[in-house]
N, C-alpha and C. Protein backbone atom coordinates (compact mmCIF):
# COMPACT_ATOMS: atom_id res chain seq x y z
N MET A 1 20.54 -75.52 47.26
CA MET A 1 21.06 -74.17 47.30
C MET A 1 20.35 -73.36 46.20
N LYS A 2 20.12 -72.12 46.50
CA LYS A 2 19.27 -71.26 45.67
C LYS A 2 19.96 -70.73 44.41
N TYR A 3 21.26 -70.43 44.49
CA TYR A 3 21.98 -69.81 43.37
C TYR A 3 22.94 -70.79 42.71
N ASN A 4 23.33 -70.47 41.47
CA ASN A 4 24.25 -71.30 40.71
C ASN A 4 25.59 -70.59 40.53
N ILE A 5 26.57 -71.35 40.05
CA ILE A 5 27.87 -70.76 39.73
C ILE A 5 27.66 -69.70 38.64
N LEU A 6 28.39 -68.61 38.73
CA LEU A 6 28.38 -67.46 37.83
C LEU A 6 27.17 -66.54 38.02
N THR A 7 26.34 -66.80 39.01
CA THR A 7 25.22 -65.90 39.30
C THR A 7 25.77 -64.60 39.86
N GLU A 8 25.31 -63.48 39.30
CA GLU A 8 25.70 -62.15 39.79
C GLU A 8 24.94 -61.87 41.08
N VAL A 9 25.69 -61.53 42.13
CA VAL A 9 25.07 -61.29 43.44
C VAL A 9 25.64 -60.03 44.07
N ILE A 10 24.94 -59.57 45.12
CA ILE A 10 25.45 -58.50 45.98
C ILE A 10 25.81 -59.16 47.30
N TYR A 11 27.07 -59.03 47.71
CA TYR A 11 27.55 -59.58 48.97
C TYR A 11 27.50 -58.49 50.02
N LYS A 12 26.89 -58.79 51.15
CA LYS A 12 26.84 -57.85 52.27
C LYS A 12 27.82 -58.34 53.32
N ASP A 13 28.95 -57.61 53.46
CA ASP A 13 29.97 -58.05 54.41
C ASP A 13 29.60 -57.65 55.84
N ILE A 14 30.44 -58.03 56.80
CA ILE A 14 30.13 -57.79 58.21
C ILE A 14 30.11 -56.31 58.57
N ASP A 15 30.73 -55.46 57.76
CA ASP A 15 30.72 -54.01 58.00
C ASP A 15 29.52 -53.32 57.34
N GLY A 16 28.68 -54.10 56.67
CA GLY A 16 27.51 -53.53 56.01
C GLY A 16 27.76 -53.06 54.59
N ASN A 17 28.96 -53.29 54.06
CA ASN A 17 29.27 -52.91 52.69
C ASN A 17 28.55 -53.84 51.72
N GLU A 18 28.04 -53.27 50.64
CA GLU A 18 27.41 -54.07 49.59
C GLU A 18 28.36 -54.12 48.40
N ILE A 19 28.80 -55.32 48.07
CA ILE A 19 29.81 -55.49 47.03
C ILE A 19 29.25 -56.35 45.90
N PRO A 20 29.14 -55.78 44.68
CA PRO A 20 28.69 -56.61 43.55
C PRO A 20 29.79 -57.60 43.17
N THR A 21 29.43 -58.85 43.02
CA THR A 21 30.38 -59.90 42.68
C THR A 21 29.61 -61.04 42.03
N TYR A 22 30.23 -62.18 41.89
CA TYR A 22 29.53 -63.34 41.37
C TYR A 22 29.99 -64.60 42.10
N ILE A 23 29.18 -65.64 41.99
CA ILE A 23 29.49 -66.91 42.65
C ILE A 23 30.49 -67.66 41.78
N LYS A 24 31.67 -67.91 42.35
CA LYS A 24 32.73 -68.58 41.62
C LYS A 24 32.64 -70.10 41.75
N ASP A 25 32.18 -70.55 42.91
CA ASP A 25 32.07 -71.98 43.16
C ASP A 25 31.07 -72.20 44.30
N ILE A 26 30.68 -73.45 44.51
CA ILE A 26 29.75 -73.79 45.59
C ILE A 26 30.35 -74.93 46.39
N ASP A 27 30.38 -74.75 47.71
CA ASP A 27 30.84 -75.78 48.63
C ASP A 27 29.59 -76.49 49.15
N GLU A 28 29.22 -77.57 48.47
CA GLU A 28 27.99 -78.30 48.80
C GLU A 28 28.04 -78.89 50.20
N VAL A 29 29.22 -79.36 50.62
CA VAL A 29 29.36 -80.02 51.92
C VAL A 29 29.02 -79.05 53.06
N ASN A 30 29.57 -77.84 52.99
CA ASN A 30 29.35 -76.85 54.06
C ASN A 30 28.21 -75.89 53.76
N GLN A 31 27.53 -76.10 52.62
CA GLN A 31 26.42 -75.24 52.22
C GLN A 31 26.85 -73.77 52.16
N LYS A 32 27.98 -73.50 51.48
CA LYS A 32 28.52 -72.15 51.34
C LYS A 32 28.76 -71.84 49.88
N TYR A 33 28.61 -70.57 49.55
CA TYR A 33 28.95 -70.08 48.22
C TYR A 33 30.35 -69.49 48.30
N ILE A 34 31.16 -69.73 47.29
CA ILE A 34 32.49 -69.14 47.22
C ILE A 34 32.41 -68.02 46.18
N LEU A 35 32.66 -66.80 46.64
CA LEU A 35 32.51 -65.62 45.79
C LEU A 35 33.81 -65.28 45.08
N ASP A 36 33.69 -64.56 43.99
CA ASP A 36 34.88 -64.06 43.30
C ASP A 36 35.58 -63.02 44.17
N TYR A 37 34.82 -62.24 44.92
CA TYR A 37 35.41 -61.23 45.80
C TYR A 37 36.17 -61.91 46.92
N ASP A 38 37.47 -61.86 46.87
CA ASP A 38 38.36 -62.35 47.92
C ASP A 38 38.13 -63.83 48.27
N LEU A 39 37.50 -64.56 47.36
CA LEU A 39 37.17 -65.97 47.58
C LEU A 39 36.45 -66.20 48.91
N GLU A 40 35.61 -65.24 49.26
CA GLU A 40 34.83 -65.33 50.50
C GLU A 40 33.89 -66.52 50.44
N LYS A 41 33.80 -67.26 51.56
CA LYS A 41 32.83 -68.33 51.70
C LYS A 41 31.68 -67.78 52.52
N VAL A 42 30.50 -67.74 51.91
CA VAL A 42 29.37 -67.09 52.57
C VAL A 42 28.13 -67.98 52.52
N SER A 43 27.24 -67.72 53.45
CA SER A 43 25.97 -68.43 53.45
C SER A 43 24.98 -67.67 52.59
N GLU A 44 23.87 -68.30 52.32
CA GLU A 44 22.87 -67.72 51.42
C GLU A 44 22.29 -66.41 51.94
N ASP A 45 22.22 -66.24 53.24
CA ASP A 45 21.63 -65.02 53.80
C ASP A 45 22.57 -63.81 53.71
N GLN A 46 23.81 -64.01 53.29
CA GLN A 46 24.76 -62.90 53.15
C GLN A 46 24.80 -62.33 51.74
N ILE A 47 24.07 -62.95 50.83
CA ILE A 47 24.06 -62.49 49.44
C ILE A 47 22.63 -62.35 48.95
N GLU A 48 22.48 -61.54 47.92
CA GLU A 48 21.19 -61.45 47.23
C GLU A 48 21.46 -61.30 45.74
N LEU A 49 20.49 -61.67 44.96
CA LEU A 49 20.61 -61.58 43.51
C LEU A 49 20.86 -60.14 43.10
N ASN A 50 21.82 -59.92 42.23
CA ASN A 50 22.13 -58.57 41.76
C ASN A 50 21.17 -58.21 40.64
N THR A 51 20.23 -57.34 40.95
CA THR A 51 19.28 -56.86 39.95
C THR A 51 19.56 -55.41 39.59
N LEU A 52 20.71 -54.91 40.03
CA LEU A 52 21.08 -53.52 39.78
C LEU A 52 21.70 -53.39 38.39
N SER A 53 22.06 -52.19 38.05
CA SER A 53 22.67 -51.89 36.76
C SER A 53 23.91 -52.75 36.52
N ASN A 54 24.18 -53.05 35.25
CA ASN A 54 25.41 -53.78 34.90
C ASN A 54 26.65 -53.10 35.42
N PHE A 55 26.60 -51.79 35.57
CA PHE A 55 27.79 -51.03 35.94
C PHE A 55 27.69 -50.43 37.34
N TYR A 56 26.89 -51.05 38.20
CA TYR A 56 26.74 -50.60 39.57
C TYR A 56 28.06 -50.76 40.32
N VAL A 57 28.44 -49.73 41.06
CA VAL A 57 29.63 -49.78 41.90
C VAL A 57 29.21 -49.36 43.30
N SER A 58 29.61 -50.15 44.29
CA SER A 58 29.25 -49.87 45.67
C SER A 58 29.93 -48.59 46.16
N LEU A 59 29.19 -47.74 46.84
CA LEU A 59 29.78 -46.52 47.39
C LEU A 59 30.73 -46.83 48.54
N SER A 60 30.63 -48.02 49.13
CA SER A 60 31.53 -48.38 50.22
C SER A 60 32.97 -48.46 49.75
N MET A 61 33.16 -48.56 48.44
CA MET A 61 34.53 -48.63 47.93
C MET A 61 35.27 -47.31 48.13
N LEU A 62 34.55 -46.24 48.38
CA LEU A 62 35.20 -44.94 48.59
C LEU A 62 36.02 -44.92 49.87
N SER A 63 35.65 -45.75 50.85
CA SER A 63 36.36 -45.75 52.12
C SER A 63 37.18 -47.01 52.36
N ASN A 64 37.19 -47.94 51.42
CA ASN A 64 37.89 -49.19 51.61
C ASN A 64 38.68 -49.52 50.33
N GLN A 65 40.00 -49.47 50.42
CA GLN A 65 40.86 -49.66 49.24
C GLN A 65 40.71 -51.04 48.62
N LYS A 66 40.54 -52.07 49.45
CA LYS A 66 40.39 -53.43 48.94
C LYS A 66 39.11 -53.54 48.09
N ILE A 67 38.02 -52.96 48.60
CA ILE A 67 36.76 -52.99 47.85
C ILE A 67 36.89 -52.12 46.60
N LYS A 68 37.61 -51.00 46.69
CA LYS A 68 37.80 -50.13 45.53
C LYS A 68 38.54 -50.85 44.41
N ASP A 69 39.64 -51.52 44.76
CA ASP A 69 40.42 -52.24 43.76
C ASP A 69 39.59 -53.35 43.11
N TYR A 70 38.86 -54.09 43.93
CA TYR A 70 38.02 -55.16 43.38
C TYR A 70 36.92 -54.57 42.50
N SER A 71 36.27 -53.49 42.94
CA SER A 71 35.17 -52.88 42.19
C SER A 71 35.64 -52.37 40.83
N ARG A 72 36.84 -51.79 40.79
CA ARG A 72 37.41 -51.30 39.54
C ARG A 72 37.62 -52.46 38.56
N ASN A 73 38.24 -53.52 39.04
CA ASN A 73 38.48 -54.69 38.18
C ASN A 73 37.17 -55.34 37.74
N TYR A 74 36.22 -55.42 38.65
CA TYR A 74 34.92 -56.00 38.34
C TYR A 74 34.21 -55.18 37.27
N LEU A 75 34.29 -53.85 37.39
CA LEU A 75 33.65 -52.97 36.42
C LEU A 75 34.27 -53.15 35.02
N ILE A 76 35.58 -53.22 34.95
CA ILE A 76 36.25 -53.43 33.66
C ILE A 76 35.85 -54.79 33.08
N ASP A 77 35.77 -55.82 33.92
CA ASP A 77 35.34 -57.14 33.45
C ASP A 77 33.90 -57.09 32.93
N ARG A 78 33.04 -56.32 33.58
CA ARG A 78 31.65 -56.17 33.13
C ARG A 78 31.61 -55.49 31.77
N VAL A 79 32.48 -54.49 31.56
CA VAL A 79 32.53 -53.81 30.26
C VAL A 79 32.91 -54.81 29.17
N VAL A 80 33.91 -55.65 29.44
CA VAL A 80 34.33 -56.67 28.46
C VAL A 80 33.16 -57.61 28.16
N THR A 81 32.44 -58.03 29.19
CA THR A 81 31.28 -58.92 28.99
C THR A 81 30.22 -58.26 28.13
N ILE A 82 29.90 -57.00 28.41
CA ILE A 82 28.88 -56.28 27.65
C ILE A 82 29.35 -56.07 26.20
N LEU A 83 30.62 -55.75 26.01
CA LEU A 83 31.14 -55.62 24.65
C LEU A 83 30.95 -56.93 23.88
N ASN A 84 31.31 -58.04 24.50
CA ASN A 84 31.19 -59.34 23.81
C ASN A 84 29.74 -59.69 23.50
N ARG A 85 28.83 -59.32 24.37
CA ARG A 85 27.41 -59.60 24.12
C ARG A 85 26.88 -58.77 22.96
N ASN A 86 27.48 -57.62 22.71
CA ASN A 86 26.95 -56.70 21.70
C ASN A 86 27.75 -56.63 20.42
N ILE A 87 28.86 -57.32 20.35
CA ILE A 87 29.60 -57.42 19.09
C ILE A 87 28.98 -58.58 18.32
N ASP A 88 28.46 -58.28 17.15
CA ASP A 88 27.68 -59.28 16.43
C ASP A 88 28.49 -60.09 15.42
N ASP A 89 29.76 -60.25 15.68
CA ASP A 89 30.61 -60.99 14.76
C ASP A 89 31.40 -62.03 15.56
N GLU A 90 31.34 -63.28 15.15
CA GLU A 90 32.02 -64.35 15.87
C GLU A 90 33.53 -64.23 15.83
N GLU A 91 34.07 -63.54 14.83
CA GLU A 91 35.51 -63.43 14.70
C GLU A 91 36.07 -62.19 15.39
N VAL A 92 35.21 -61.47 16.11
CA VAL A 92 35.63 -60.27 16.83
C VAL A 92 35.25 -60.48 18.30
N THR A 93 36.25 -60.38 19.19
CA THR A 93 35.98 -60.56 20.61
C THR A 93 36.71 -59.49 21.43
N ALA A 94 36.08 -59.14 22.53
CA ALA A 94 36.72 -58.22 23.48
C ALA A 94 37.46 -59.06 24.50
N ILE A 95 38.67 -58.63 24.82
CA ILE A 95 39.49 -59.31 25.83
C ILE A 95 40.06 -58.28 26.77
N ARG A 96 40.38 -58.70 27.95
CA ARG A 96 41.03 -57.81 28.90
C ARG A 96 42.49 -58.22 28.98
N TYR A 97 43.36 -57.24 28.85
CA TYR A 97 44.77 -57.51 29.07
C TYR A 97 45.33 -56.37 29.90
N MET A 98 45.94 -56.77 31.01
CA MET A 98 46.48 -55.83 32.00
C MET A 98 45.43 -54.79 32.37
N GLU A 99 45.72 -53.54 32.15
CA GLU A 99 44.81 -52.47 32.58
C GLU A 99 44.01 -51.88 31.42
N SER A 100 43.92 -52.60 30.32
CA SER A 100 43.17 -52.09 29.19
C SER A 100 42.31 -53.20 28.58
N ILE A 101 41.59 -52.83 27.53
CA ILE A 101 40.70 -53.76 26.85
C ILE A 101 41.14 -53.82 25.39
N GLY A 102 41.12 -55.01 24.84
CA GLY A 102 41.44 -55.18 23.43
C GLY A 102 40.24 -55.74 22.69
N ILE A 103 40.02 -55.25 21.48
CA ILE A 103 39.03 -55.83 20.58
C ILE A 103 39.84 -56.62 19.57
N LYS A 104 39.78 -57.93 19.69
CA LYS A 104 40.61 -58.80 18.87
C LYS A 104 39.83 -59.25 17.63
N VAL A 105 40.44 -59.00 16.48
CA VAL A 105 39.85 -59.40 15.20
C VAL A 105 40.72 -60.52 14.65
N SER A 106 40.14 -61.69 14.46
CA SER A 106 40.95 -62.84 14.05
C SER A 106 41.38 -62.79 12.59
N SER A 107 40.67 -62.03 11.77
CA SER A 107 41.00 -61.95 10.35
C SER A 107 40.94 -60.49 9.89
N ALA A 108 42.08 -59.97 9.48
CA ALA A 108 42.11 -58.59 8.98
C ALA A 108 41.25 -58.45 7.74
N LYS A 109 41.14 -59.51 6.96
CA LYS A 109 40.31 -59.48 5.75
C LYS A 109 38.86 -59.19 6.11
N LEU A 110 38.36 -59.84 7.17
CA LEU A 110 36.99 -59.62 7.62
C LEU A 110 36.78 -58.14 7.94
N PHE A 111 37.73 -57.56 8.60
CA PHE A 111 37.62 -56.16 9.02
C PHE A 111 37.65 -55.22 7.82
N THR A 112 38.53 -55.47 6.88
CA THR A 112 38.64 -54.59 5.72
C THR A 112 37.49 -54.79 4.73
N ASP A 113 36.90 -56.01 4.68
CA ASP A 113 35.75 -56.26 3.80
C ASP A 113 34.56 -55.40 4.21
N GLN A 114 34.37 -55.21 5.51
CA GLN A 114 33.24 -54.42 6.00
C GLN A 114 33.52 -52.93 5.89
N GLY A 115 34.76 -52.57 5.64
CA GLY A 115 35.14 -51.16 5.58
C GLY A 115 35.73 -50.74 6.91
N GLU A 116 37.00 -50.40 6.90
CA GLU A 116 37.72 -50.09 8.13
C GLU A 116 37.07 -48.96 8.91
N ASP A 117 36.78 -47.84 8.23
CA ASP A 117 36.19 -46.69 8.93
C ASP A 117 34.82 -47.03 9.50
N LYS A 118 34.03 -47.77 8.73
CA LYS A 118 32.69 -48.15 9.18
C LYS A 118 32.78 -49.07 10.41
N SER A 119 33.72 -50.00 10.40
CA SER A 119 33.88 -50.92 11.53
C SER A 119 34.34 -50.18 12.78
N ILE A 120 35.29 -49.27 12.63
CA ILE A 120 35.76 -48.48 13.78
C ILE A 120 34.63 -47.60 14.31
N GLU A 121 33.87 -47.00 13.41
CA GLU A 121 32.74 -46.16 13.82
C GLU A 121 31.71 -46.98 14.60
N LYS A 122 31.43 -48.18 14.14
CA LYS A 122 30.47 -49.05 14.80
C LYS A 122 30.94 -49.41 16.22
N LEU A 123 32.22 -49.74 16.37
CA LEU A 123 32.77 -50.06 17.68
C LEU A 123 32.75 -48.84 18.60
N ASN A 124 33.08 -47.67 18.06
CA ASN A 124 33.06 -46.45 18.88
C ASN A 124 31.64 -46.10 19.33
N LYS A 125 30.63 -46.41 18.50
CA LYS A 125 29.23 -46.19 18.91
C LYS A 125 28.87 -47.10 20.09
N LEU A 126 29.33 -48.34 20.03
CA LEU A 126 29.08 -49.26 21.13
C LEU A 126 29.78 -48.78 22.40
N ILE A 127 31.00 -48.29 22.27
CA ILE A 127 31.74 -47.77 23.42
C ILE A 127 31.02 -46.54 24.00
N LYS A 128 30.51 -45.67 23.13
CA LYS A 128 29.77 -44.49 23.60
C LYS A 128 28.51 -44.93 24.36
N PHE A 129 27.83 -45.94 23.84
CA PHE A 129 26.64 -46.47 24.51
C PHE A 129 26.99 -46.94 25.93
N ILE A 130 28.09 -47.68 26.06
CA ILE A 130 28.52 -48.17 27.37
C ILE A 130 28.91 -46.99 28.26
N ASN A 131 29.65 -46.03 27.72
CA ASN A 131 30.03 -44.85 28.51
C ASN A 131 28.81 -44.11 29.03
N ASP A 132 27.76 -44.03 28.23
CA ASP A 132 26.53 -43.37 28.66
C ASP A 132 25.85 -44.13 29.80
N ARG A 133 26.03 -45.44 29.86
CA ARG A 133 25.41 -46.25 30.91
C ARG A 133 26.20 -46.22 32.22
N ILE A 134 27.47 -45.90 32.15
CA ILE A 134 28.26 -45.76 33.38
C ILE A 134 28.06 -44.34 33.87
N THR A 135 27.04 -44.18 34.70
CA THR A 135 26.62 -42.82 35.08
C THR A 135 27.52 -42.18 36.12
N LEU A 136 28.07 -42.97 37.02
CA LEU A 136 28.95 -42.42 38.06
C LEU A 136 30.39 -42.83 37.74
N LYS A 137 31.23 -41.86 37.53
CA LYS A 137 32.62 -42.13 37.18
C LYS A 137 33.49 -42.05 38.43
N HIS A 138 33.31 -43.00 39.36
CA HIS A 138 33.98 -42.99 40.65
C HIS A 138 35.50 -43.03 40.56
N PHE A 139 36.03 -43.67 39.54
CA PHE A 139 37.47 -43.89 39.47
C PHE A 139 38.20 -42.77 38.75
N ASN A 140 37.46 -41.94 38.03
CA ASN A 140 38.02 -40.79 37.33
C ASN A 140 39.21 -41.18 36.44
N GLU A 141 39.01 -42.21 35.64
CA GLU A 141 40.06 -42.64 34.73
C GLU A 141 39.47 -43.18 33.44
N ALA A 142 40.31 -43.24 32.44
CA ALA A 142 39.92 -43.77 31.14
C ALA A 142 40.62 -45.11 30.94
N VAL A 143 39.87 -46.12 30.56
CA VAL A 143 40.43 -47.43 30.26
C VAL A 143 40.61 -47.50 28.75
N ALA A 144 41.85 -47.67 28.32
CA ALA A 144 42.15 -47.70 26.89
C ALA A 144 41.54 -48.93 26.24
N ILE A 145 41.08 -48.74 25.00
CA ILE A 145 40.57 -49.85 24.20
C ILE A 145 41.34 -49.85 22.88
N ASP A 146 42.00 -50.96 22.62
CA ASP A 146 42.78 -51.12 21.40
C ASP A 146 42.09 -52.10 20.46
N LEU A 147 42.09 -51.76 19.20
CA LEU A 147 41.60 -52.67 18.17
C LEU A 147 42.80 -53.47 17.70
N LEU A 148 42.76 -54.77 17.93
CA LEU A 148 43.91 -55.63 17.65
C LEU A 148 43.66 -56.44 16.38
N LEU A 149 44.30 -56.02 15.31
CA LEU A 149 44.25 -56.75 14.05
C LEU A 149 45.50 -57.61 13.95
N PRO A 150 45.50 -58.63 13.11
CA PRO A 150 46.68 -59.48 13.00
C PRO A 150 47.98 -58.71 12.71
N MET A 151 47.91 -57.63 11.95
CA MET A 151 49.14 -56.92 11.59
C MET A 151 49.12 -55.45 12.01
N ALA A 152 48.16 -55.03 12.80
CA ALA A 152 48.07 -53.61 13.14
C ALA A 152 47.32 -53.44 14.46
N ARG A 153 47.42 -52.23 15.00
CA ARG A 153 46.70 -51.88 16.23
C ARG A 153 46.17 -50.46 16.08
N TYR A 154 44.91 -50.26 16.43
CA TYR A 154 44.27 -48.94 16.39
C TYR A 154 43.78 -48.60 17.78
N LYS A 155 43.78 -47.33 18.09
CA LYS A 155 43.20 -46.85 19.35
C LYS A 155 41.75 -46.49 19.10
N LEU A 156 40.86 -47.04 19.92
CA LEU A 156 39.45 -46.69 19.89
C LEU A 156 39.18 -45.71 21.01
N ASP A 157 37.95 -45.21 21.10
CA ASP A 157 37.59 -44.33 22.21
C ASP A 157 37.75 -45.10 23.52
N PRO A 158 38.16 -44.44 24.60
CA PRO A 158 38.31 -45.13 25.88
C PRO A 158 36.97 -45.28 26.60
N ILE A 159 36.92 -46.18 27.55
CA ILE A 159 35.79 -46.31 28.47
C ILE A 159 36.13 -45.47 29.70
N LEU A 160 35.24 -44.60 30.10
CA LEU A 160 35.46 -43.75 31.27
C LEU A 160 34.79 -44.37 32.48
N ILE A 161 35.59 -44.62 33.51
CA ILE A 161 35.04 -45.23 34.72
C ILE A 161 35.30 -44.36 35.94
């Protein structure tokens, strides 16, 4: 089989919709990929490697509520992934909880040693960078981002999707 688990792909469904998703599992016996999108079992000719933008959203989601809901969740998950790749501190991680994103800091001392304002400014710059890369705001909403310290919570700039 050509692709591996966690490979980002574009799934082309029977209606011709192109849905960005990833391979969740592989059914070796039946030679099928199991996608994150609706746990669809598909053959290799129904998917292609996703070489599009990290924040690509299929326009087919405008006419299909199921694809819209999945695309929204997928986009938020991609934002969390990109945040984690670009946060250069092992004790700071982005997590998704419910309908928002949290930046979890395991040690408040670490955050205050670097300077609270400087750390918040650095995170907001990263958020602005991501917002600039999400060129089409199909969902017309802001996803809240909270800075989660052991004893406090701060609101950061939201991600606009």
